[in-house]
Amino acid sequence: QVNVVESGGGLVQPGGSLRLSCAASGMIFHIHAMGWYRQAPGAQRELVALARDRGITEYADSVKGRFTISRDNDKNRVYLQMNSLKPEDTAVYYCYVDQGPIDGEYWGQGTQVTVSS
């Protein structure tokens, strides 16, 4: 079993910044990718940013240039620096850990990000 724990959400004004952190622990073998998804009320869960092996990253078009994902492989952690936040970024943000088809995928419990004045 793998435990995935997020932290760093909260309330921020438009234009502000937040940094999300996620730590994976437990039966870690090889993490192929770690990243962040989000789900707003009434919407489907969507990819925000993903950090794959070999430093490959991908971002949703809506966050490119504003969000930066970084990964610490030694500590099994991933971070999401969110700048220039907009009200439409309001959602529950979930950390995602991919150990491949055999060892499985895991999700955190989610952390709320609210962007409002």
C-alpha atoms as a PDB file:
ATOM      1  CA  GLN A   1       0.000   0.000   0.000  1.00  0.00           C
ATOM      2  CA  VAL A   2       1.136   3.550  -0.758  1.00  0.00           C
ATOM      3  CA  ASN A   3       0.096   6.553   1.282  1.00  0.00           C
ATOM      4  CA  VAL A   4      -0.212   9.868  -0.532  1.00  0.00           C
ATOM      5  CA  VAL A   5      -0.605  13.038   1.505  1.00  0.00           C
ATOM      6  CA  GLU A   6      -1.073  16.556   0.159  1.00  0.00           C
ATOM      7  CA  SER A   7      -0.648  19.846   1.955  1.00  0.00           C
ATOM      8  CA  GLY A   8      -0.578  23.537   1.164  1.00  0.00           C
ATOM      9  CA  GLY A   9      -4.076  24.382   0.011  1.00  0.00           C
ATOM     10  CA  GLY A  10      -6.043  27.347   1.247  1.00  0.00           C
ATOM     11  CA  LEU A  11      -7.727  30.613   0.414  1.00  0.00           C
ATOM     12  CA  VAL A  12      -5.869  33.158  -1.695  1.00  0.00           C
ATOM     13  CA  GLN A  13      -6.823  36.329  -3.529  1.00  0.00           C
ATOM     14  CA  PRO A  14      -6.737  36.520  -7.325  1.00  0.00           C
ATOM     15  CA  GLY A  15      -3.192  37.114  -8.487  1.00  0.00           C
ATOM     16  CA  GLY A  16      -1.744  35.421  -5.432  1.00  0.00           C
ATOM     17  CA  SER A  17       0.393  32.329  -5.048  1.00  0.00           C
ATOM     18  CA  LEU A  18       0.235  28.988  -3.294  1.00  0.00           C
ATOM     19  CA  ARG A  19       2.573  26.010  -3.129  1.00  0.00           C
ATOM     20  CA  LEU A  20       1.185  22.518  -2.857  1.00  0.00           C
ATOM     21  CA  SER A  21       3.253  19.634  -1.547  1.00  0.00           C
ATOM     22  CA  CYS A  22       2.711  15.915  -1.795  1.00  0.00           C
ATOM     23  CA  ALA A  23       4.569  13.050  -0.162  1.00  0.00           C
ATOM     24  CA  ALA A  24       4.302   9.374  -1.052  1.00  0.00           C
ATOM     25  CA  SER A  25       5.292   6.688   1.418  1.00  0.00           C
ATOM     26  CA  GLY A  26       4.889   2.975   2.011  1.00  0.00           C
ATOM     27  CA  MET A  27       5.510   0.330  -0.644  1.00  0.00           C
ATOM     28  CA  ILE A  28       7.402   2.499  -3.093  1.00  0.00           C
ATOM     29  CA  PHE A  29       9.206   0.576  -5.849  1.00  0.00           C
ATOM     30  CA  HIS A  30       9.605   2.893  -8.806  1.00  0.00           C
ATOM     31  CA  ILE A  31       7.482   5.956  -9.373  1.00  0.00           C
ATOM     32  CA  HIS A  32       7.067   6.563 -13.076  1.00  0.00           C
ATOM     33  CA  ALA A  33       5.172   9.810 -12.625  1.00  0.00           C
ATOM     34  CA  MET A  34       3.867  12.099  -9.933  1.00  0.00           C
ATOM     35  CA  GLY A  35       1.549  14.978 -10.479  1.00  0.00           C
ATOM     36  CA  TRP A  36      -1.559  16.947  -9.777  1.00  0.00           C
ATOM     37  CA  TYR A  37      -5.150  16.764 -10.901  1.00  0.00           C
ATOM     38  CA  ARG A  38      -7.996  19.010  -9.851  1.00  0.00           C
ATOM     39  CA  GLN A  39     -11.763  18.820  -9.670  1.00  0.00           C
ATOM     40  CA  ALA A  40     -14.048  21.812  -9.468  1.00  0.00           C
ATOM     41  CA  PRO A  41     -17.682  21.479  -8.330  1.00  0.00           C
ATOM     42  CA  GLY A  42     -19.801  19.908 -11.065  1.00  0.00           C
ATOM     43  CA  ALA A  43     -16.772  19.247 -13.275  1.00  0.00           C
ATOM     44  CA  GLN A  44     -14.682  16.216 -14.117  1.00  0.00           C
ATOM     45  CA  ARG A  45     -11.276  15.674 -12.629  1.00  0.00           C
ATOM     46  CA  GLU A  46      -8.635  17.105 -14.951  1.00  0.00           C
ATOM     47  CA  LEU A  47      -4.881  16.982 -15.270  1.00  0.00           C
ATOM     48  CA  VAL A  48      -3.054  20.055 -14.000  1.00  0.00           C
ATOM     49  CA  ALA A  49       0.593  19.020 -14.213  1.00  0.00           C
ATOM     50  CA  LEU A  50       2.590  15.826 -14.356  1.00  0.00           C
ATOM     51  CA  ALA A  51       6.271  15.082 -13.772  1.00  0.00           C
ATOM     52  CA  ARG A  52       7.425  11.910 -15.473  1.00  0.00           C
ATOM     53  CA  ASP A  53      10.770  10.165 -15.401  1.00  0.00           C
ATOM     54  CA  ARG A  54      13.781  11.842 -17.028  1.00  0.00           C
ATOM     55  CA  GLY A  55      12.487  15.274 -16.110  1.00  0.00           C
ATOM     56  CA  ILE A  56       9.622  15.240 -18.566  1.00  0.00           C
ATOM     57  CA  THR A  57       6.777  17.499 -17.515  1.00  0.00           C
ATOM     58  CA  GLU A  58       3.405  18.292 -18.962  1.00  0.00           C
ATOM     59  CA  TYR A  59       0.855  20.951 -18.109  1.00  0.00           C
ATOM     60  CA  ALA A  60      -2.732  21.758 -18.838  1.00  0.00           C
ATOM     61  CA  ASP A  61      -2.948  24.654 -21.283  1.00  0.00           C
ATOM     62  CA  SER A  62      -4.887  26.673 -18.717  1.00  0.00           C
ATOM     63  CA  VAL A  63      -1.956  26.713 -16.266  1.00  0.00           C
ATOM     64  CA  LYS A  64       1.061  26.958 -18.571  1.00  0.00           C
ATOM     65  CA  GLY A  65       3.272  29.870 -17.614  1.00  0.00           C
ATOM     66  CA  ARG A  66       1.649  30.192 -14.195  1.00  0.00           C
ATOM     67  CA  PHE A  67       2.185  26.825 -12.496  1.00  0.00           C
ATOM     68  CA  THR A  68       5.439  24.923 -12.074  1.00  0.00           C
ATOM     69  CA  ILE A  69       5.745  21.303 -11.051  1.00  0.00           C
ATOM     70  CA  SER A  70       8.860  19.916  -9.429  1.00  0.00           C
ATOM     71  CA  ARG A  71       9.717  16.480  -8.153  1.00  0.00           C
ATOM     72  CA  ASP A  72      12.163  15.222  -5.537  1.00  0.00           C
ATOM     73  CA  ASN A  73      12.798  11.600  -6.466  1.00  0.00           C
ATOM     74  CA  ASP A  74      14.940  10.880  -3.417  1.00  0.00           C
ATOM     75  CA  LYS A  75      12.126  11.899  -1.066  1.00  0.00           C
ATOM     76  CA  ASN A  76       9.198  10.723  -3.216  1.00  0.00           C
ATOM     77  CA  ARG A  77       7.748  14.194  -3.150  1.00  0.00           C
ATOM     78  CA  VAL A  78       6.178  16.464  -5.728  1.00  0.00           C
ATOM     79  CA  TYR A  79       5.395  20.151  -5.519  1.00  0.00           C
ATOM     80  CA  LEU A  80       3.182  22.536  -7.428  1.00  0.00           C
ATOM     81  CA  GLN A  81       4.032  26.223  -7.357  1.00  0.00           C
ATOM     82  CA  MET A  82       0.952  28.154  -8.413  1.00  0.00           C
ATOM     83  CA  ASN A  83       1.339  31.816  -9.318  1.00  0.00           C
ATOM     84  CA  SER A  84      -1.047  34.385 -10.749  1.00  0.00           C
ATOM     85  CA  LEU A  85      -3.975  32.404  -9.430  1.00  0.00           C
ATOM     86  CA  LYS A  86      -7.397  32.981 -10.915  1.00  0.00           C
ATOM     87  CA  PRO A  87     -10.883  32.263  -9.543  1.00  0.00           C
ATOM     88  CA  GLU A  88     -11.215  29.491 -12.125  1.00  0.00           C
ATOM     89  CA  ASP A  89      -8.331  27.688 -10.446  1.00  0.00           C
ATOM     90  CA  THR A  90     -10.616  27.035  -7.488  1.00  0.00           C
ATOM     91  CA  ALA A  91     -10.897  23.277  -7.030  1.00  0.00           C
ATOM     92  CA  VAL A  92      -9.871  20.335  -4.929  1.00  0.00           C
ATOM     93  CA  TYR A  93      -6.341  19.404  -5.956  1.00  0.00           C
ATOM     94  CA  TYR A  94      -5.346  15.750  -5.853  1.00  0.00           C
ATOM     95  CA  CYS A  95      -1.864  14.313  -5.876  1.00  0.00           C
ATOM     96  CA  TYR A  96      -1.339  11.362  -8.210  1.00  0.00           C
ATOM     97  CA  VAL A  97       1.344   8.706  -8.030  1.00  0.00           C
ATOM     98  CA  ASP A  98       1.926   6.229 -10.857  1.00  0.00           C
ATOM     99  CA  GLN A  99       4.016   3.131 -10.203  1.00  0.00           C
ATOM    100  CA  GLY A 100       2.989   1.476 -13.429  1.00  0.00           C
ATOM    101  CA  PRO A 101       0.463  -1.242 -14.327  1.00  0.00           C
ATOM    102  CA  ILE A 102       1.790  -3.799 -11.868  1.00  0.00           C
ATOM    103  CA  ASP A 103       2.437  -1.702  -8.770  1.00  0.00           C
ATOM    104  CA  GLY A 104      -0.513   0.577  -9.343  1.00  0.00           C
ATOM    105  CA  GLU A 105      -1.719   4.134  -9.194  1.00  0.00           C
ATOM    106  CA  TYR A 106      -2.508   6.049  -6.041  1.00  0.00           C
ATOM    107  CA  TRP A 107      -4.322   9.233  -5.103  1.00  0.00           C
ATOM    108  CA  GLY A 108      -4.190  11.586  -2.180  1.00  0.00           C
ATOM    109  CA  GLN A 109      -7.256  12.706  -0.290  1.00  0.00           C
ATOM    110  CA  GLY A 110      -7.254  16.143  -1.913  1.00  0.00           C
ATOM    111  CA  THR A 111      -6.587  19.660  -0.726  1.00  0.00           C
ATOM    112  CA  GLN A 112      -8.914  22.596  -1.325  1.00  0.00           C
ATOM    113  CA  VAL A 113      -7.659  25.635  -3.207  1.00  0.00           C
ATOM    114  CA  THR A 114      -9.987  28.632  -3.255  1.00  0.00           C
ATOM    115  CA  VAL A 115      -9.166  31.773  -5.206  1.00  0.00           C
ATOM    116  CA  SER A 116     -11.471  34.588  -4.208  1.00  0.00           C
ATOM    117  CA  SER A 117     -11.433  38.214  -3.163  1.00  0.00           C
END
